[in-house]
PDB file of N, CA and C in Angstrom:
ATOM      1  N   MET A   1       0.847  -1.167   0.000  1.00  0.00           N
ATOM      2  CA  MET A   1       0.000   0.000   0.000  1.00  0.00           C
ATOM      3  C   MET A   1       0.899   1.238   0.000  1.00  0.00           C
ATOM      4  N   LYS A   2       0.421   2.333  -0.634  1.00  0.00           N
ATOM      5  CA  LYS A   2       1.219   3.546  -0.741  1.00  0.00           C
ATOM      6  C   LYS A   2       0.571   4.675   0.072  1.00  0.00           C
ATOM      7  N   CYS A   3       1.394   5.364   0.852  1.00  0.00           N
ATOM      8  CA  CYS A   3       0.934   6.497   1.656  1.00  0.00           C
ATOM      9  C   CYS A   3       0.609   7.669   0.720  1.00  0.00           C
ATOM     10  N   CYS A   4      -0.555   8.269   0.906  1.00  0.00           N
ATOM     11  CA  CYS A   4      -0.965   9.373   0.041  1.00  0.00           C
ATOM     12  C   CYS A   4      -0.254  10.680   0.386  1.00  0.00           C
ATOM     13  N   ILE A   5       0.466  10.720   1.504  1.00  0.00           N
ATOM     14  CA  ILE A   5       1.177  11.943   1.892  1.00  0.00           C
ATOM     15  C   ILE A   5       2.647  11.871   1.476  1.00  0.00           C
ATOM     16  N   CYS A   6       3.366  10.847   1.941  1.00  0.00           N
ATOM     17  CA  CYS A   6       4.804  10.754   1.639  1.00  0.00           C
ATOM     18  C   CYS A   6       5.088   9.919   0.394  1.00  0.00           C
ATOM     19  N   LYS A   7       4.066   9.214  -0.079  1.00  0.00           N
ATOM     20  CA  LYS A   7       4.150   8.373  -1.294  1.00  0.00           C
ATOM     21  C   LYS A   7       5.013   7.124  -1.129  1.00  0.00           C
ATOM     22  N   LYS A   8       5.395   6.791   0.103  1.00  0.00           N
ATOM     23  CA  LYS A   8       6.192   5.584   0.354  1.00  0.00           C
ATOM     24  C   LYS A   8       5.277   4.381   0.525  1.00  0.00           C
ATOM     25  N   GLU A   9       5.797   3.221   0.150  1.00  0.00           N
ATOM     26  CA  GLU A   9       5.075   1.971   0.374  1.00  0.00           C
ATOM     27  C   GLU A   9       5.106   1.660   1.872  1.00  0.00           C
ATOM     28  N   PHE A  10       3.992   1.142   2.401  1.00  0.00           N
ATOM     29  CA  PHE A  10       3.980   0.746   3.803  1.00  0.00           C
ATOM     30  C   PHE A  10       3.064  -0.455   3.975  1.00  0.00           C
ATOM     31  N   HIS A  11       3.251  -1.148   5.095  1.00  0.00           N
ATOM     32  CA  HIS A  11       2.422  -2.289   5.469  1.00  0.00           C
ATOM     33  C   HIS A  11       1.929  -2.029   6.878  1.00  0.00           C
ATOM     34  N   GLY A  12       0.786  -2.520   7.183  1.00  0.00           N
ATOM     35  CA  GLY A  12       0.275  -2.355   8.533  1.00  0.00           C
ATOM     36  C   GLY A  12      -1.015  -1.567   8.548  1.00  0.00           C
ATOM     37  N   PHE A  13      -1.211  -0.833   9.637  1.00  0.00           N
ATOM     38  CA  PHE A  13      -2.459  -0.116   9.864  1.00  0.00           C
ATOM     39  C   PHE A  13      -2.629   1.004   8.847  1.00  0.00           C
ATOM     40  N   MET A  14      -3.834   1.152   8.318  1.00  0.00           N
ATOM     41  CA  MET A  14      -4.135   2.209   7.349  1.00  0.00           C
ATOM     42  C   MET A  14      -4.831   3.354   8.085  1.00  0.00           C
ATOM     43  N   ASN A  15      -4.243   4.534   8.040  1.00  0.00           N
ATOM     44  CA  ASN A  15      -4.776   5.700   8.742  1.00  0.00           C
ATOM     45  C   ASN A  15      -5.525   6.616   7.781  1.00  0.00           C
ATOM     46  N   ASN A  16      -6.583   7.231   8.282  1.00  0.00           N
ATOM     47  CA  ASN A  16      -7.331   8.223   7.517  1.00  0.00           C
ATOM     48  C   ASN A  16      -6.503   9.512   7.508  1.00  0.00           C
ATOM     49  N   PRO A  17      -6.146  10.037   6.330  1.00  0.00           N
ATOM     50  CA  PRO A  17      -5.285  11.208   6.263  1.00  0.00           C
ATOM     51  C   PRO A  17      -6.004  12.540   6.466  1.00  0.00           C
ATOM     52  N   TRP A  18      -7.346  12.538   6.587  1.00  0.00           N
ATOM     53  CA  TRP A  18      -8.051  13.803   6.697  1.00  0.00           C
ATOM     54  C   TRP A  18      -7.531  14.613   7.872  1.00  0.00           C
ATOM     55  N   GLY A  19      -7.289  15.880   7.641  1.00  0.00           N
ATOM     56  CA  GLY A  19      -6.843  16.777   8.696  1.00  0.00           C
ATOM     57  C   GLY A  19      -5.360  17.060   8.663  1.00  0.00           C
ATOM     58  N   ALA A  20      -4.637  16.411   7.757  1.00  0.00           N
ATOM     59  CA  ALA A  20      -3.188  16.603   7.705  1.00  0.00           C
ATOM     60  C   ALA A  20      -2.842  18.063   7.447  1.00  0.00           C
ATOM     61  N   ALA A  21      -1.777  18.515   8.083  1.00  0.00           N
ATOM     62  CA  ALA A  21      -1.280  19.878   7.909  1.00  0.00           C
ATOM     63  C   ALA A  21       0.200  19.885   8.234  1.00  0.00           C
ATOM     64  N   TRP A  22       0.915  20.846   7.682  1.00  0.00           N
ATOM     65  CA  TRP A  22       2.320  21.046   8.038  1.00  0.00           C
ATOM     66  C   TRP A  22       2.697  22.480   7.822  1.00  0.00           C
ATOM     67  N   LYS A  23       3.871  22.839   8.341  1.00  0.00           N
ATOM     68  CA  LYS A  23       4.369  24.199   8.175  1.00  0.00           C
ATOM     69  C   LYS A  23       5.192  24.290   6.900  1.00  0.00           C
ATOM     70  N   THR A  24       4.970  25.368   6.163  1.00  0.00           N
ATOM     71  CA  THR A  24       5.738  25.617   4.947  1.00  0.00           C
ATOM     72  C   THR A  24       7.108  26.167   5.314  1.00  0.00           C
ATOM     73  N   ASP A  25       7.942  26.366   4.321  1.00  0.00           N
ATOM     74  CA  ASP A  25       9.267  26.956   4.566  1.00  0.00           C
ATOM     75  C   ASP A  25       9.162  28.352   5.166  1.00  0.00           C
ATOM     76  N   LYS A  26       8.051  29.024   4.933  1.00  0.00           N
ATOM     77  CA  LYS A  26       7.827  30.370   5.466  1.00  0.00           C
ATOM     78  C   LYS A  26       7.235  30.336   6.869  1.00  0.00           C
ATOM     79  N   GLY A  27       7.000  29.139   7.399  1.00  0.00           N
ATOM     80  CA  GLY A  27       6.455  28.991   8.741  1.00  0.00           C
ATOM     81  C   GLY A  27       4.944  29.080   8.810  1.00  0.00           C
ATOM     82  N   GLU A  28       4.281  29.119   7.654  1.00  0.00           N
ATOM     83  CA  GLU A  28       2.825  29.169   7.624  1.00  0.00           C
ATOM     84  C   GLU A  28       2.268  27.747   7.639  1.00  0.00           C
ATOM     85  N   VAL A  29       1.106  27.579   8.253  1.00  0.00           N
ATOM     86  CA  VAL A  29       0.477  26.264   8.305  1.00  0.00           C
ATOM     87  C   VAL A  29      -0.303  26.042   7.017  1.00  0.00           C
ATOM     88  N   GLU A  30      -0.037  24.921   6.370  1.00  0.00           N
ATOM     89  CA  GLU A  30      -0.753  24.546   5.151  1.00  0.00           C
ATOM     90  C   GLU A  30      -1.671  23.376   5.486  1.00  0.00           C
ATOM     91  N   LEU A  31      -2.960  23.578   5.294  1.00  0.00           N
ATOM     92  CA  LEU A  31      -3.947  22.537   5.551  1.00  0.00           C
ATOM     93  C   LEU A  31      -4.171  21.758   4.264  1.00  0.00           C
ATOM     94  N   LEU A  32      -4.059  20.448   4.342  1.00  0.00           N
ATOM     95  CA  LEU A  32      -4.263  19.614   3.165  1.00  0.00           C
ATOM     96  C   LEU A  32      -5.729  19.223   3.070  1.00  0.00           C
ATOM     97  N   GLU A  33      -6.296  19.409   1.908  1.00  0.00           N
ATOM     98  CA  GLU A  33      -7.729  19.169   1.721  1.00  0.00           C
ATOM     99  C   GLU A  33      -8.046  18.227   0.574  1.00  0.00           C
ATOM    100  N   ASP A  34      -7.093  17.919  -0.271  1.00  0.00           N
ATOM    101  CA  ASP A  34      -7.401  17.238  -1.532  1.00  0.00           C
ATOM    102  C   ASP A  34      -7.239  15.722  -1.494  1.00  0.00           C
ATOM    103  N   PHE A  35      -7.740  15.100  -0.437  1.00  0.00           N
ATOM    104  CA  PHE A  35      -7.683  13.648  -0.358  1.00  0.00           C
ATOM    105  C   PHE A  35      -8.866  13.040  -1.097  1.00  0.00           C
ATOM    106  N   LYS A  36      -8.646  11.866  -1.635  1.00  0.00           N
ATOM    107  CA  LYS A  36      -9.702  11.144  -2.351  1.00  0.00           C
ATOM    108  C   LYS A  36     -10.247  10.042  -1.442  1.00  0.00           C
ATOM    109  N   PRO A  37     -11.492   9.616  -1.676  1.00  0.00           N
ATOM    110  CA  PRO A  37     -12.011   8.483  -0.902  1.00  0.00           C
ATOM    111  C   PRO A  37     -11.085   7.274  -1.074  1.00  0.00           C
ATOM    112  N   GLY A  38     -10.774   6.633   0.002  1.00  0.00           N
ATOM    113  CA  GLY A  38      -9.901   5.466  -0.048  1.00  0.00           C
ATOM    114  C   GLY A  38      -8.428   5.777   0.180  1.00  0.00           C
ATOM    115  N   ASP A  39      -8.051   7.079   0.202  1.00  0.00           N
ATOM    116  CA  ASP A  39      -6.662   7.426   0.495  1.00  0.00           C
ATOM    117  C   ASP A  39      -6.328   7.019   1.927  1.00  0.00           C
ATOM    118  N   VAL A  40      -5.119   6.547   2.114  1.00  0.00           N
ATOM    119  CA  VAL A  40      -4.640   6.164   3.447  1.00  0.00           C
ATOM    120  C   VAL A  40      -3.230   6.701   3.625  1.00  0.00           C
ATOM    121  N   CYS A  41      -2.823   6.825   4.884  1.00  0.00           N
ATOM    122  CA  CYS A  41      -1.453   7.270   5.151  1.00  0.00           C
ATOM    123  C   CYS A  41      -0.780   6.320   6.134  1.00  0.00           C
ATOM    124  N   CYS A  42       0.535   6.380   6.133  1.00  0.00           N
ATOM    125  CA  CYS A  42       1.335   5.518   7.007  1.00  0.00           C
ATOM    126  C   CYS A  42       1.330   6.058   8.441  1.00  0.00           C
ATOM    127  N   ASP A  43       1.782   5.237   9.371  1.00  0.00           N
ATOM    128  CA  ASP A  43       1.814   5.639  10.781  1.00  0.00           C
ATOM    129  C   ASP A  43       2.700   6.866  10.996  1.00  0.00           C
ATOM    130  N   GLU A  44       3.824   6.942  10.293  1.00  0.00           N
ATOM    131  CA  GLU A  44       4.740   8.075  10.464  1.00  0.00           C
ATOM    132  C   GLU A  44       4.067   9.391  10.052  1.00  0.00           C
ATOM    133  N   CYS A  45       3.412   9.411   8.896  1.00  0.00           N
ATOM    134  CA  CYS A  45       2.717  10.627   8.452  1.00  0.00           C
ATOM    135  C   CYS A  45       1.530  10.931   9.357  1.00  0.00           C
ATOM    136  N   ASN A  46       0.871   9.900   9.859  1.00  0.00           N
ATOM    137  CA  ASN A  46      -0.226  10.101  10.796  1.00  0.00           C
ATOM    138  C   ASN A  46       0.272  10.830  12.044  1.00  0.00           C
ATOM    139  N   ARG A  47       1.425  10.402  12.571  1.00  0.00           N
ATOM    140  CA  ARG A  47       2.000  11.037  13.763  1.00  0.00           C
ATOM    141  C   ARG A  47       2.518  12.441  13.467  1.00  0.00           C
ATOM    142  N   GLN A  48       3.174  12.625  12.326  1.00  0.00           N
ATOM    143  CA  GLN A  48       3.826  13.907  12.032  1.00  0.00           C
ATOM    144  C   GLN A  48       2.886  14.969  11.472  1.00  0.00           C
ATOM    145  N   TYR A  49       1.873  14.577  10.714  1.00  0.00           N
ATOM    146  CA  TYR A  49       1.051  15.553  10.007  1.00  0.00           C
ATOM    147  C   TYR A  49      -0.434  15.502  10.312  1.00  0.00           C
ATOM    148  N   VAL A  50      -0.987  14.296  10.442  1.00  0.00           N
ATOM    149  CA  VAL A  50      -2.441  14.186  10.600  1.00  0.00           C
ATOM    150  C   VAL A  50      -2.889  14.567  12.011  1.00  0.00           C
ATOM    151  N   ILE A  51      -2.326  13.944  13.018  1.00  0.00           N
ATOM    152  CA  ILE A  51      -2.755  14.233  14.394  1.00  0.00           C
ATOM    153  C   ILE A  51      -2.486  15.692  14.752  1.00  0.00           C
ATOM    154  N   PRO A  52      -1.271  16.230  14.515  1.00  0.00           N
ATOM    155  CA  PRO A  52      -1.063  17.658  14.800  1.00  0.00           C
ATOM    156  C   PRO A  52      -1.984  18.561  13.965  1.00  0.00           C
ATOM    157  N   GLY A  53      -2.249  18.178  12.721  1.00  0.00           N
ATOM    158  CA  GLY A  53      -3.142  18.964  11.878  1.00  0.00           C
ATOM    159  C   GLY A  53      -4.557  19.003  12.417  1.00  0.00           C
ATOM    160  N   ARG A  54      -5.030  17.876  12.909  1.00  0.00           N
ATOM    161  CA  ARG A  54      -6.383  17.836  13.480  1.00  0.00           C
ATOM    162  C   ARG A  54      -6.462  18.674  14.753  1.00  0.00           C
ATOM    163  N   LEU A  55      -5.419  18.610  15.576  1.00  0.00           N
ATOM    164  CA  LEU A  55      -5.398  19.430  16.792  1.00  0.00           C
ATOM    165  C   LEU A  55      -5.369  20.913  16.443  1.00  0.00           C
ATOM    166  N   TYR A  56      -4.597  21.266  15.422  1.00  0.00           N
ATOM    167  CA  TYR A  56      -4.535  22.657  14.966  1.00  0.00           C
ATOM    168  C   TYR A  56      -5.921  23.123  14.509  1.00  0.00           C
ATOM    169  N   ARG A  57      -6.617  22.283  13.743  1.00  0.00           N
ATOM    170  CA  ARG A  57      -7.955  22.639  13.265  1.00  0.00           C
ATOM    171  C   ARG A  57      -8.927  22.808  14.433  1.00  0.00           C
ATOM    172  N   MET A  58      -8.803  21.972  15.460  1.00  0.00           N
ATOM    173  CA  MET A  58      -9.674  22.099  16.629  1.00  0.00           C
ATOM    174  C   MET A  58      -9.431  23.430  17.332  1.00  0.00           C
ATOM    175  N   LYS A  59      -8.152  23.778  17.524  1.00  0.00           N
ATOM    176  CA  LYS A  59      -7.818  25.045  18.181  1.00  0.00           C
ATOM    177  C   LYS A  59      -8.287  26.226  17.345  1.00  0.00           C
ATOM    178  N   LEU A  60      -8.123  26.140  16.032  1.00  0.00           N
ATOM    179  CA  LEU A  60      -8.564  27.191  15.127  1.00  0.00           C
ATOM    180  C   LEU A  60     -10.079  27.355  15.214  1.00  0.00           C
ATOM    181  N   SER A  61     -10.786  26.244  15.239  1.00  0.00           N
ATOM    182  CA  SER A  61     -12.243  26.276  15.333  1.00  0.00           C
ATOM    183  C   SER A  61     -12.685  26.906  16.658  1.00  0.00           C
ATOM    184  N   GLU A  62     -12.041  26.530  17.753  1.00  0.00           N
ATOM    185  CA  GLU A  62     -12.375  27.082  19.064  1.00  0.00           C
ATOM    186  C   GLU A  62     -12.085  28.578  19.099  1.00  0.00           C
ATOM    187  N   SER A  63     -10.975  28.990  18.505  1.00  0.00           N
ATOM    188  CA  SER A  63     -10.606  30.393  18.457  1.00  0.00           C
ATOM    189  C   SER A  63     -11.617  31.201  17.653  1.00  0.00           C
ATOM    190  N   MET A  64     -12.047  30.651  16.520  1.00  0.00           N
ATOM    191  CA  MET A  64     -13.035  31.340  15.689  1.00  0.00           C
ATOM    192  C   MET A  64     -14.370  31.451  16.413  1.00  0.00           C
ATOM    193  N   LYS A  65     -14.748  30.411  17.148  1.00  0.00           N
ATOM    194  CA  LYS A  65     -15.998  30.420  17.897  1.00  0.00           C
ATOM    195  C   LYS A  65     -15.944  31.484  18.993  1.00  0.00           C
ATOM    196  N   ALA A  66     -14.829  31.558  19.711  1.00  0.00           N
ATOM    197  CA  ALA A  66     -14.671  32.544  20.775  1.00  0.00           C
ATOM    198  C   ALA A  66     -14.693  33.963  20.199  1.00  0.00           C
ATOM    199  N   GLN A  67     -14.067  34.147  19.057  1.00  0.00           N
ATOM    200  CA  GLN A  67     -14.049  35.467  18.421  1.00  0.00           C
ATOM    201  C   GLN A  67     -15.466  35.871  17.997  1.00  0.00           C
ATOM    202  N   LYS A  68     -16.224  34.929  17.466  1.00  0.00           N
ATOM    203  CA  LYS A  68     -17.593  35.203  17.043  1.00  0.00           C
ATOM    204  C   LYS A  68     -18.452  35.586  18.245  1.00  0.00           C
ATOM    205  N   GLU A  69     -18.307  34.851  19.351  1.00  0.00           N
ATOM    206  CA  GLU A  69     -19.074  35.141  20.556  1.00  0.00           C
ATOM    207  C   GLU A  69     -18.716  36.515  21.099  1.00  0.00           C
ATOM    208  N   SER A  70     -17.435  36.860  21.072  1.00  0.00           N
ATOM    209  CA  SER A  70     -16.977  38.155  21.554  1.00  0.00           C
ATOM    210  C   SER A  70     -17.547  39.281  20.697  1.00  0.00           C
ATOM    211  N   THR A  71     -17.584  39.084  19.391  1.00  0.00           N
ATOM    212  CA  THR A  71     -18.134  40.080  18.473  1.00  0.00           C
ATOM    213  C   THR A  71     -19.625  40.258  18.722  1.00  0.00           C
ATOM    214  N   GLN A  72     -20.340  39.153  18.964  1.00  0.00           N
ATOM    215  CA  GLN A  72     -21.773  39.231  19.225  1.00  0.00           C
ATOM    216  C   GLN A  72     -22.045  39.966  20.530  1.00  0.00           C
ATOM    217  N   GLN A  73     -21.228  39.742  21.561  1.00  0.00           N
ATOM    218  CA  GLN A  73     -21.396  40.419  22.831  1.00  0.00           C
ATOM    219  C   GLN A  73     -21.147  41.915  22.683  1.00  0.00           C
ATOM    220  N   THR A  74     -20.109  42.275  21.932  1.00  0.00           N
ATOM    221  CA  THR A  74     -19.798  43.670  21.713  1.00  0.00           C
ATOM    222  C   THR A  74     -20.932  44.363  20.975  1.00  0.00           C
ATOM    223  N   LYS A  75     -21.461  43.706  19.951  1.00  0.00           N
ATOM    224  CA  LYS A  75     -22.572  44.262  19.182  1.00  0.00           C
ATOM    225  C   LYS A  75     -23.799  44.441  20.067  1.00  0.00           C
ATOM    226  N   SER A  76     -24.050  43.463  20.937  1.00  0.00           N
ATOM    227  CA  SER A  76     -25.202  43.547  21.846  1.00  0.00           C
ATOM    228  C   SER A  76     -25.066  44.732  22.790  1.00  0.00           C
ATOM    229  N   ILE A  77     -23.878  44.965  23.298  1.00  0.00           N
ATOM    230  CA  ILE A  77     -23.627  46.086  24.206  1.00  0.00           C
ATOM    231  C   ILE A  77     -23.799  47.405  23.457  1.00  0.00           C
ATOM    232  N   GLU A  78     -23.289  47.463  22.228  1.00  0.00           N
ATOM    233  CA  GLU A  78     -23.417  48.691  21.423  1.00  0.00           C
ATOM    234  C   GLU A  78     -24.878  48.970  21.082  1.00  0.00           C
ATOM    235  N   ASP A  79     -25.661  47.928  20.830  1.00  0.00           N
ATOM    236  CA  ASP A  79     -27.072  48.103  20.481  1.00  0.00           C
ATOM    237  C   ASP A  79     -27.874  48.661  21.663  1.00  0.00           C
ATOM    238  N   ARG A  80     -27.447  48.351  22.881  1.00  0.00           N
ATOM    239  CA  ARG A  80     -28.146  48.846  24.077  1.00  0.00           C
ATOM    240  C   ARG A  80     -27.888  50.321  24.297  1.00  0.00           C
ATOM    241  N   GLY A  81     -26.699  50.773  23.879  1.00  0.00           N
ATOM    242  CA  GLY A  81     -26.267  52.149  24.172  1.00  0.00           C
ATOM    243  C   GLY A  81     -26.827  53.125  23.283  1.00  0.00           C
TER     244      GLY A  81
END
């Protein structure tokens, strides 16, 4: 089987690659989105890119939610005044 991220052949557990991300040479986080149904990744790529990428997406989602709530509270306060 071939890993859809590193393209190396591997044997063993097949991991879902959704959520993979890594830092570019410029230090920016690049989120990978172009996986096809049936794509799998090796354990090494799962540890290095998929799990950290999913955690990054969770933190990003939580941050966006908190920002939205803060904006709504500010708007509510302004509407009262």
